[in-house]
Amino acid sequence: IDVPNAFTPGGGADGEIKVIHLGNATLKSFIIYNRWGQKVFEGTDIATGWDGNFNGKPQPMGVYVYSVEAVSPTGRRFTKQGNITLIR
């Protein structure tokens, strides 16, 4: 699993930040926090990502922290944490 380190919300292929996976994986959690530790996105669908909004409002440009947990069909767990830069 991998997560891009930057994205621009809106149209196009870059419009949502999503977990990238090679092969089969079941997403257990994909959580994004703002700089104050407030959860701005949480998802369990590997095909769905964050569009840069929280409570219907566009979030400011800046760095956000993410945490991902996924499981392969064989039961192997994958975890990853890092930063995402939202560019407007």
PDB file of N, CA and C in Angstrom:
ATOM      1  N   ILE A   1       0.843  -1.185   0.000  1.00  0.00           N
ATOM      2  CA  ILE A   1       0.000   0.000   0.000  1.00  0.00           C
ATOM      3  C   ILE A   1       0.879   1.234   0.000  1.00  0.00           C
ATOM      4  N   ASP A   2       0.334   2.303  -0.563  1.00  0.00           N
ATOM      5  CA  ASP A   2       1.048   3.565  -0.598  1.00  0.00           C
ATOM      6  C   ASP A   2       0.018   4.690  -0.650  1.00  0.00           C
ATOM      7  N   VAL A   3       0.455   5.880  -0.278  1.00  0.00           N
ATOM      8  CA  VAL A   3      -0.395   7.061  -0.323  1.00  0.00           C
ATOM      9  C   VAL A   3       0.444   8.180  -0.921  1.00  0.00           C
ATOM     10  N   PRO A   4      -0.072   8.880  -1.940  1.00  0.00           N
ATOM     11  CA  PRO A   4       0.680  10.010  -2.484  1.00  0.00           C
ATOM     12  C   PRO A   4       0.942  11.044  -1.396  1.00  0.00           C
ATOM     13  N   ASN A   5       1.984  11.848  -1.571  1.00  0.00           N
ATOM     14  CA  ASN A   5       2.322  12.824  -0.532  1.00  0.00           C
ATOM     15  C   ASN A   5       1.722  14.206  -0.784  1.00  0.00           C
ATOM     16  N   ALA A   6       1.002  14.398  -1.902  1.00  0.00           N
ATOM     17  CA  ALA A   6       0.358  15.684  -2.183  1.00  0.00           C
ATOM     18  C   ALA A   6      -0.809  15.467  -3.137  1.00  0.00           C
ATOM     19  N   PHE A   7      -1.793  16.375  -3.059  1.00  0.00           N
ATOM     20  CA  PHE A   7      -2.900  16.341  -4.009  1.00  0.00           C
ATOM     21  C   PHE A   7      -3.575  17.695  -4.081  1.00  0.00           C
ATOM     22  N   THR A   8      -4.288  17.910  -5.199  1.00  0.00           N
ATOM     23  CA  THR A   8      -5.079  19.114  -5.414  1.00  0.00           C
ATOM     24  C   THR A   8      -6.531  18.676  -5.536  1.00  0.00           C
ATOM     25  N   PRO A   9      -7.395  19.060  -4.583  1.00  0.00           N
ATOM     26  CA  PRO A   9      -8.796  18.645  -4.657  1.00  0.00           C
ATOM     27  C   PRO A   9      -9.490  19.219  -5.886  1.00  0.00           C
ATOM     28  N   GLY A  10     -10.483  18.503  -6.362  1.00  0.00           N
ATOM     29  CA  GLY A  10     -11.248  18.973  -7.514  1.00  0.00           C
ATOM     30  C   GLY A  10     -11.272  17.937  -8.606  1.00  0.00           C
ATOM     31  N   GLY A  11     -11.516  18.400  -9.814  1.00  0.00           N
ATOM     32  CA  GLY A  11     -11.630  17.505 -10.958  1.00  0.00           C
ATOM     33  C   GLY A  11     -10.315  16.876 -11.351  1.00  0.00           C
ATOM     34  N   GLY A  12     -10.416  15.906 -12.227  1.00  0.00           N
ATOM     35  CA  GLY A  12      -9.227  15.249 -12.748  1.00  0.00           C
ATOM     36  C   GLY A  12      -8.831  14.035 -11.930  1.00  0.00           C
ATOM     37  N   ALA A  13      -7.782  13.377 -12.390  1.00  0.00           N
ATOM     38  CA  ALA A  13      -7.309  12.149 -11.744  1.00  0.00           C
ATOM     39  C   ALA A  13      -6.756  12.414 -10.351  1.00  0.00           C
ATOM     40  N   ASP A  14      -6.386  13.659 -10.084  1.00  0.00           N
ATOM     41  CA  ASP A  14      -5.756  14.045  -8.829  1.00  0.00           C
ATOM     42  C   ASP A  14      -6.764  14.638  -7.839  1.00  0.00           C
ATOM     43  N   GLY A  15      -8.067  14.481  -8.096  1.00  0.00           N
ATOM     44  CA  GLY A  15      -9.098  15.163  -7.322  1.00  0.00           C
ATOM     45  C   GLY A  15      -9.357  14.635  -5.925  1.00  0.00           C
ATOM     46  N   GLU A  16      -8.987  13.403  -5.653  1.00  0.00           N
ATOM     47  CA  GLU A  16      -9.132  12.803  -4.327  1.00  0.00           C
ATOM     48  C   GLU A  16      -7.820  12.128  -3.956  1.00  0.00           C
ATOM     49  N   ILE A  17      -7.535  12.093  -2.674  1.00  0.00           N
ATOM     50  CA  ILE A  17      -6.360  11.364  -2.200  1.00  0.00           C
ATOM     51  C   ILE A  17      -6.840   9.976  -1.781  1.00  0.00           C
ATOM     52  N   LYS A  18      -6.249   8.934  -2.379  1.00  0.00           N
ATOM     53  CA  LYS A  18      -6.669   7.555  -2.143  1.00  0.00           C
ATOM     54  C   LYS A  18      -5.470   6.689  -1.804  1.00  0.00           C
ATOM     55  N   VAL A  19      -5.762   5.562  -1.191  1.00  0.00           N
ATOM     56  CA  VAL A  19      -4.738   4.554  -0.931  1.00  0.00           C
ATOM     57  C   VAL A  19      -4.461   3.822  -2.241  1.00  0.00           C
ATOM     58  N   ILE A  20      -3.187   3.724  -2.592  1.00  0.00           N
ATOM     59  CA  ILE A  20      -2.774   2.993  -3.780  1.00  0.00           C
ATOM     60  C   ILE A  20      -2.368   1.590  -3.330  1.00  0.00           C
ATOM     61  N   HIS A  21      -2.865   0.584  -4.039  1.00  0.00           N
ATOM     62  CA  HIS A  21      -2.546  -0.792  -3.648  1.00  0.00           C
ATOM     63  C   HIS A  21      -2.187  -1.610  -4.874  1.00  0.00           C
ATOM     64  N   LEU A  22      -1.281  -2.522  -4.669  1.00  0.00           N
ATOM     65  CA  LEU A  22      -0.917  -3.483  -5.699  1.00  0.00           C
ATOM     66  C   LEU A  22      -1.465  -4.829  -5.262  1.00  0.00           C
ATOM     67  N   GLY A  23      -2.258  -5.443  -6.096  1.00  0.00           N
ATOM     68  CA  GLY A  23      -2.874  -6.706  -5.719  1.00  0.00           C
ATOM     69  C   GLY A  23      -4.124  -6.475  -4.890  1.00  0.00           C
ATOM     70  N   ASN A  24      -4.605  -7.539  -4.277  1.00  0.00           N
ATOM     71  CA  ASN A  24      -5.817  -7.458  -3.456  1.00  0.00           C
ATOM     72  C   ASN A  24      -5.478  -7.010  -2.047  1.00  0.00           C
ATOM     73  N   ALA A  25      -6.282  -6.124  -1.533  1.00  0.00           N
ATOM     74  CA  ALA A  25      -6.136  -5.682  -0.145  1.00  0.00           C
ATOM     75  C   ALA A  25      -7.494  -5.215   0.340  1.00  0.00           C
ATOM     76  N   THR A  26      -7.774  -5.481   1.592  1.00  0.00           N
ATOM     77  CA  THR A  26      -8.988  -4.983   2.229  1.00  0.00           C
ATOM     78  C   THR A  26      -8.574  -3.850   3.144  1.00  0.00           C
ATOM     79  N   LEU A  27      -9.153  -2.681   2.902  1.00  0.00           N
ATOM     80  CA  LEU A  27      -8.818  -1.518   3.708  1.00  0.00           C
ATOM     81  C   LEU A  27      -9.578  -1.578   5.024  1.00  0.00           C
ATOM     82  N   LYS A  28      -8.853  -1.588   6.119  1.00  0.00           N
ATOM     83  CA  LYS A  28      -9.465  -1.583   7.449  1.00  0.00           C
ATOM     84  C   LYS A  28      -9.729  -0.152   7.899  1.00  0.00           C
ATOM     85  N   SER A  29      -8.784   0.760   7.606  1.00  0.00           N
ATOM     86  CA  SER A  29      -9.004   2.170   7.950  1.00  0.00           C
ATOM     87  C   SER A  29      -8.049   3.064   7.171  1.00  0.00           C
ATOM     88  N   PHE A  30      -8.563   4.216   6.787  1.00  0.00           N
ATOM     89  CA  PHE A  30      -7.778   5.280   6.174  1.00  0.00           C
ATOM     90  C   PHE A  30      -8.262   6.548   6.864  1.00  0.00           C
ATOM     91  N   ILE A  31      -7.421   7.121   7.711  1.00  0.00           N
ATOM     92  CA  ILE A  31      -7.812   8.265   8.538  1.00  0.00           C
ATOM     93  C   ILE A  31      -6.863   9.421   8.247  1.00  0.00           C
ATOM     94  N   ILE A  32      -7.436  10.612   8.111  1.00  0.00           N
ATOM     95  CA  ILE A  32      -6.648  11.824   7.880  1.00  0.00           C
ATOM     96  C   ILE A  32      -6.990  12.836   8.969  1.00  0.00           C
ATOM     97  N   TYR A  33      -5.937  13.437   9.538  1.00  0.00           N
ATOM     98  CA  TYR A  33      -6.076  14.434  10.606  1.00  0.00           C
ATOM     99  C   TYR A  33      -5.493  15.770  10.147  1.00  0.00           C
ATOM    100  N   ASN A  34      -6.083  16.867  10.643  1.00  0.00           N
ATOM    101  CA  ASN A  34      -5.503  18.172  10.363  1.00  0.00           C
ATOM    102  C   ASN A  34      -4.383  18.462  11.358  1.00  0.00           C
ATOM    103  N   ARG A  35      -3.808  19.645  11.291  1.00  0.00           N
ATOM    104  CA  ARG A  35      -2.641  19.963  12.141  1.00  0.00           C
ATOM    105  C   ARG A  35      -2.965  20.035  13.621  1.00  0.00           C
ATOM    106  N   TRP A  36      -4.259  20.139  13.972  1.00  0.00           N
ATOM    107  CA  TRP A  36      -4.675  20.186  15.373  1.00  0.00           C
ATOM    108  C   TRP A  36      -5.117  18.817  15.888  1.00  0.00           C
ATOM    109  N   GLY A  37      -4.948  17.792  15.063  1.00  0.00           N
ATOM    110  CA  GLY A  37      -5.309  16.441  15.473  1.00  0.00           C
ATOM    111  C   GLY A  37      -6.775  16.106  15.303  1.00  0.00           C
ATOM    112  N   GLN A  38      -7.530  16.968  14.626  1.00  0.00           N
ATOM    113  CA  GLN A  38      -8.954  16.720  14.381  1.00  0.00           C
ATOM    114  C   GLN A  38      -9.095  15.804  13.166  1.00  0.00           C
ATOM    115  N   LYS A  39      -9.906  14.748  13.304  1.00  0.00           N
ATOM    116  CA  LYS A  39     -10.125  13.808  12.209  1.00  0.00           C
ATOM    117  C   LYS A  39     -10.982  14.488  11.142  1.00  0.00           C
ATOM    118  N   VAL A  40     -10.437  14.624   9.924  1.00  0.00           N
ATOM    119  CA  VAL A  40     -11.176  15.269   8.837  1.00  0.00           C
ATOM    120  C   VAL A  40     -11.682  14.263   7.809  1.00  0.00           C
ATOM    121  N   PHE A  41     -11.187  13.022   7.871  1.00  0.00           N
ATOM    122  CA  PHE A  41     -11.653  11.983   6.955  1.00  0.00           C
ATOM    123  C   PHE A  41     -11.391  10.618   7.573  1.00  0.00           C
ATOM    124  N   GLU A  42     -12.355   9.711   7.361  1.00  0.00           N
ATOM    125  CA  GLU A  42     -12.174   8.313   7.744  1.00  0.00           C
ATOM    126  C   GLU A  42     -12.917   7.460   6.741  1.00  0.00           C
ATOM    127  N   GLY A  43     -12.249   6.449   6.223  1.00  0.00           N
ATOM    128  CA  GLY A  43     -12.884   5.571   5.254  1.00  0.00           C
ATOM    129  C   GLY A  43     -12.378   4.152   5.362  1.00  0.00           C
ATOM    130  N   THR A  44     -13.205   3.220   4.854  1.00  0.00           N
ATOM    131  CA  THR A  44     -12.825   1.808   4.821  1.00  0.00           C
ATOM    132  C   THR A  44     -12.983   1.223   3.421  1.00  0.00           C
ATOM    133  N   ASP A  45     -13.369   2.044   2.446  1.00  0.00           N
ATOM    134  CA  ASP A  45     -13.517   1.599   1.055  1.00  0.00           C
ATOM    135  C   ASP A  45     -12.254   1.995   0.301  1.00  0.00           C
ATOM    136  N   ILE A  46     -11.513   1.023  -0.195  1.00  0.00           N
ATOM    137  CA  ILE A  46     -10.233   1.295  -0.850  1.00  0.00           C
ATOM    138  C   ILE A  46     -10.400   2.100  -2.135  1.00  0.00           C
ATOM    139  N   ALA A  47     -11.606   2.115  -2.704  1.00  0.00           N
ATOM    140  CA  ALA A  47     -11.866   2.858  -3.935  1.00  0.00           C
ATOM    141  C   ALA A  47     -12.286   4.304  -3.671  1.00  0.00           C
ATOM    142  N   THR A  48     -12.500   4.671  -2.417  1.00  0.00           N
ATOM    143  CA  THR A  48     -12.960   6.013  -2.072  1.00  0.00           C
ATOM    144  C   THR A  48     -11.855   6.765  -1.352  1.00  0.00           C
ATOM    145  N   GLY A  49     -11.729   8.046  -1.677  1.00  0.00           N
ATOM    146  CA  GLY A  49     -10.695   8.855  -1.054  1.00  0.00           C
ATOM    147  C   GLY A  49     -11.246  10.144  -0.484  1.00  0.00           C
ATOM    148  N   TRP A  50     -10.359  10.982   0.025  1.00  0.00           N
ATOM    149  CA  TRP A  50     -10.711  12.264   0.621  1.00  0.00           C
ATOM    150  C   TRP A  50     -10.674  13.339  -0.458  1.00  0.00           C
ATOM    151  N   ASP A  51     -11.731  14.158  -0.501  1.00  0.00           N
ATOM    152  CA  ASP A  51     -11.831  15.215  -1.510  1.00  0.00           C
ATOM    153  C   ASP A  51     -11.367  16.579  -1.022  1.00  0.00           C
ATOM    154  N   GLY A  52     -10.787  16.641   0.183  1.00  0.00           N
ATOM    155  CA  GLY A  52     -10.284  17.906   0.707  1.00  0.00           C
ATOM    156  C   GLY A  52     -11.299  18.718   1.480  1.00  0.00           C
ATOM    157  N   ASN A  53     -12.482  18.142   1.710  1.00  0.00           N
ATOM    158  CA  ASN A  53     -13.537  18.832   2.458  1.00  0.00           C
ATOM    159  C   ASN A  53     -13.754  18.182   3.815  1.00  0.00           C
ATOM    160  N   PHE A  54     -14.267  18.983   4.750  1.00  0.00           N
ATOM    161  CA  PHE A  54     -14.660  18.472   6.061  1.00  0.00           C
ATOM    162  C   PHE A  54     -15.921  19.212   6.473  1.00  0.00           C
ATOM    163  N   ASN A  55     -16.970  18.453   6.789  1.00  0.00           N
ATOM    164  CA  ASN A  55     -18.282  19.018   7.111  1.00  0.00           C
ATOM    165  C   ASN A  55     -18.770  19.958   6.014  1.00  0.00           C
ATOM    166  N   GLY A  56     -18.501  19.574   4.756  1.00  0.00           N
ATOM    167  CA  GLY A  56     -18.966  20.348   3.612  1.00  0.00           C
ATOM    168  C   GLY A  56     -18.156  21.594   3.303  1.00  0.00           C
ATOM    169  N   LYS A  57     -17.066  21.811   4.010  1.00  0.00           N
ATOM    170  CA  LYS A  57     -16.246  23.008   3.796  1.00  0.00           C
ATOM    171  C   LYS A  57     -14.858  22.625   3.292  1.00  0.00           C
ATOM    172  N   PRO A  58     -14.369  23.327   2.267  1.00  0.00           N
ATOM    173  CA  PRO A  58     -13.011  23.067   1.797  1.00  0.00           C
ATOM    174  C   PRO A  58     -11.995  23.349   2.900  1.00  0.00           C
ATOM    175  N   GLN A  59     -11.063  22.454   3.064  1.00  0.00           N
ATOM    176  CA  GLN A  59     -10.041  22.625   4.092  1.00  0.00           C
ATOM    177  C   GLN A  59      -8.876  23.443   3.540  1.00  0.00           C
ATOM    178  N   PRO A  60      -8.182  24.155   4.424  1.00  0.00           N
ATOM    179  CA  PRO A  60      -7.101  25.019   3.955  1.00  0.00           C
ATOM    180  C   PRO A  60      -5.894  24.243   3.431  1.00  0.00           C
ATOM    181  N   MET A  61      -5.148  24.915   2.584  1.00  0.00           N
ATOM    182  CA  MET A  61      -3.913  24.355   2.086  1.00  0.00           C
ATOM    183  C   MET A  61      -2.991  24.093   3.271  1.00  0.00           C
ATOM    184  N   GLY A  62      -2.285  22.988   3.239  1.00  0.00           N
ATOM    185  CA  GLY A  62      -1.380  22.677   4.330  1.00  0.00           C
ATOM    186  C   GLY A  62      -1.051  21.205   4.386  1.00  0.00           C
ATOM    187  N   VAL A  63      -0.425  20.813   5.484  1.00  0.00           N
ATOM    188  CA  VAL A  63       0.015  19.430   5.679  1.00  0.00           C
ATOM    189  C   VAL A  63      -0.956  18.721   6.618  1.00  0.00           C
ATOM    190  N   TYR A  64      -1.358  17.515   6.236  1.00  0.00           N
ATOM    191  CA  TYR A  64      -2.270  16.677   6.997  1.00  0.00           C
ATOM    192  C   TYR A  64      -1.564  15.354   7.276  1.00  0.00           C
ATOM    193  N   VAL A  65      -1.935  14.707   8.358  1.00  0.00           N
ATOM    194  CA  VAL A  65      -1.329  13.438   8.757  1.00  0.00           C
ATOM    195  C   VAL A  65      -2.316  12.311   8.456  1.00  0.00           C
ATOM    196  N   TYR A  66      -1.807  11.189   7.948  1.00  0.00           N
ATOM    197  CA  TYR A  66      -2.685  10.051   7.666  1.00  0.00           C
ATOM    198  C   TYR A  66      -2.176   8.787   8.346  1.00  0.00           C
ATOM    199  N   SER A  67      -3.113   7.848   8.492  1.00  0.00           N
ATOM    200  CA  SER A  67      -2.825   6.517   9.005  1.00  0.00           C
ATOM    201  C   SER A  67      -3.644   5.535   8.170  1.00  0.00           C
ATOM    202  N   VAL A  68      -2.996   4.473   7.699  1.00  0.00           N
ATOM    203  CA  VAL A  68      -3.663   3.465   6.871  1.00  0.00           C
ATOM    204  C   VAL A  68      -3.403   2.093   7.467  1.00  0.00           C
ATOM    205  N   GLU A  69      -4.452   1.273   7.479  1.00  0.00           N
ATOM    206  CA  GLU A  69      -4.306  -0.134   7.855  1.00  0.00           C
ATOM    207  C   GLU A  69      -5.078  -0.964   6.841  1.00  0.00           C
ATOM    208  N   ALA A  70      -4.398  -1.976   6.276  1.00  0.00           N
ATOM    209  CA  ALA A  70      -5.020  -2.865   5.294  1.00  0.00           C
ATOM    210  C   ALA A  70      -4.582  -4.296   5.580  1.00  0.00           C
ATOM    211  N   VAL A  71      -5.346  -5.244   4.996  1.00  0.00           N
ATOM    212  CA  VAL A  71      -5.051  -6.667   5.180  1.00  0.00           C
ATOM    213  C   VAL A  71      -5.108  -7.347   3.818  1.00  0.00           C
ATOM    214  N   SER A  72      -4.118  -8.204   3.549  1.00  0.00           N
ATOM    215  CA  SER A  72      -4.101  -8.973   2.302  1.00  0.00           C
ATOM    216  C   SER A  72      -5.025 -10.186   2.450  1.00  0.00           C
ATOM    217  N   PRO A  73      -5.371 -10.847   1.337  1.00  0.00           N
ATOM    218  CA  PRO A  73      -6.204 -12.056   1.420  1.00  0.00           C
ATOM    219  C   PRO A  73      -5.570 -13.165   2.252  1.00  0.00           C
ATOM    220  N   THR A  74      -4.245 -13.158   2.396  1.00  0.00           N
ATOM    221  CA  THR A  74      -3.569 -14.180   3.197  1.00  0.00           C
ATOM    222  C   THR A  74      -3.508 -13.803   4.679  1.00  0.00           C
ATOM    223  N   GLY A  75      -4.022 -12.627   5.024  1.00  0.00           N
ATOM    224  CA  GLY A  75      -4.047 -12.207   6.423  1.00  0.00           C
ATOM    225  C   GLY A  75      -2.888 -11.319   6.834  1.00  0.00           C
ATOM    226  N   ARG A  76      -2.009 -10.997   5.904  1.00  0.00           N
ATOM    227  CA  ARG A  76      -0.880 -10.121   6.235  1.00  0.00           C
ATOM    228  C   ARG A  76      -1.374  -8.691   6.425  1.00  0.00           C
ATOM    229  N   ARG A  77      -0.966  -8.065   7.532  1.00  0.00           N
ATOM    230  CA  ARG A  77      -1.370  -6.698   7.845  1.00  0.00           C
ATOM    231  C   ARG A  77      -0.354  -5.701   7.324  1.00  0.00           C
ATOM    232  N   PHE A  78      -0.868  -4.613   6.789  1.00  0.00           N
ATOM    233  CA  PHE A  78      -0.034  -3.512   6.326  1.00  0.00           C
ATOM    234  C   PHE A  78      -0.473  -2.249   7.047  1.00  0.00           C
ATOM    235  N   THR A  79       0.477  -1.510   7.572  1.00  0.00           N
ATOM    236  CA  THR A  79       0.167  -0.221   8.194  1.00  0.00           C
ATOM    237  C   THR A  79       1.145   0.810   7.646  1.00  0.00           C
ATOM    238  N   LYS A  80       0.654   2.017   7.531  1.00  0.00           N
ATOM    239  CA  LYS A  80       1.494   3.099   7.037  1.00  0.00           C
ATOM    240  C   LYS A  80       0.976   4.406   7.617  1.00  0.00           C
ATOM    241  N   GLN A  81       1.910   5.291   7.953  1.00  0.00           N
ATOM    242  CA  GLN A  81       1.573   6.626   8.436  1.00  0.00           C
ATOM    243  C   GLN A  81       2.461   7.619   7.709  1.00  0.00           C
ATOM    244  N   GLY A  82       1.967   8.836   7.553  1.00  0.00           N
ATOM    245  CA  GLY A  82       2.770   9.844   6.885  1.00  0.00           C
ATOM    246  C   GLY A  82       2.042  11.160   6.761  1.00  0.00           C
ATOM    247  N   ASN A  83       2.551  12.002   5.873  1.00  0.00           N
ATOM    248  CA  ASN A  83       2.003  13.335   5.649  1.00  0.00           C
ATOM    249  C   ASN A  83       1.484  13.480   4.239  1.00  0.00           C
ATOM    250  N   ILE A  84       0.424  14.269   4.102  1.00  0.00           N
ATOM    251  CA  ILE A  84      -0.153  14.627   2.810  1.00  0.00           C
ATOM    252  C   ILE A  84      -0.197  16.144   2.758  1.00  0.00           C
ATOM    253  N   THR A  85       0.244  16.713   1.645  1.00  0.00           N
ATOM    254  CA  THR A  85       0.132  18.155   1.461  1.00  0.00           C
ATOM    255  C   THR A  85      -1.051  18.437   0.555  1.00  0.00           C
ATOM    256  N   LEU A  86      -2.004  19.218   1.065  1.00  0.00           N
ATOM    257  CA  LEU A  86      -3.166  19.642   0.278  1.00  0.00           C
ATOM    258  C   LEU A  86      -2.790  20.961  -0.390  1.00  0.00           C
ATOM    259  N   ILE A  87      -2.875  20.990  -1.715  1.00  0.00           N
ATOM    260  CA  ILE A  87      -2.506  22.171  -2.484  1.00  0.00           C
ATOM    261  C   ILE A  87      -3.758  22.747  -3.143  1.00  0.00           C
ATOM    262  N   ARG A  88      -3.995  24.037  -2.944  1.00  0.00           N
ATOM    263  CA  ARG A  88      -5.156  24.711  -3.568  1.00  0.00           C
ATOM    264  C   ARG A  88      -4.665  25.754  -4.537  1.00  0.00           C
TER     265      ARG A  88
END
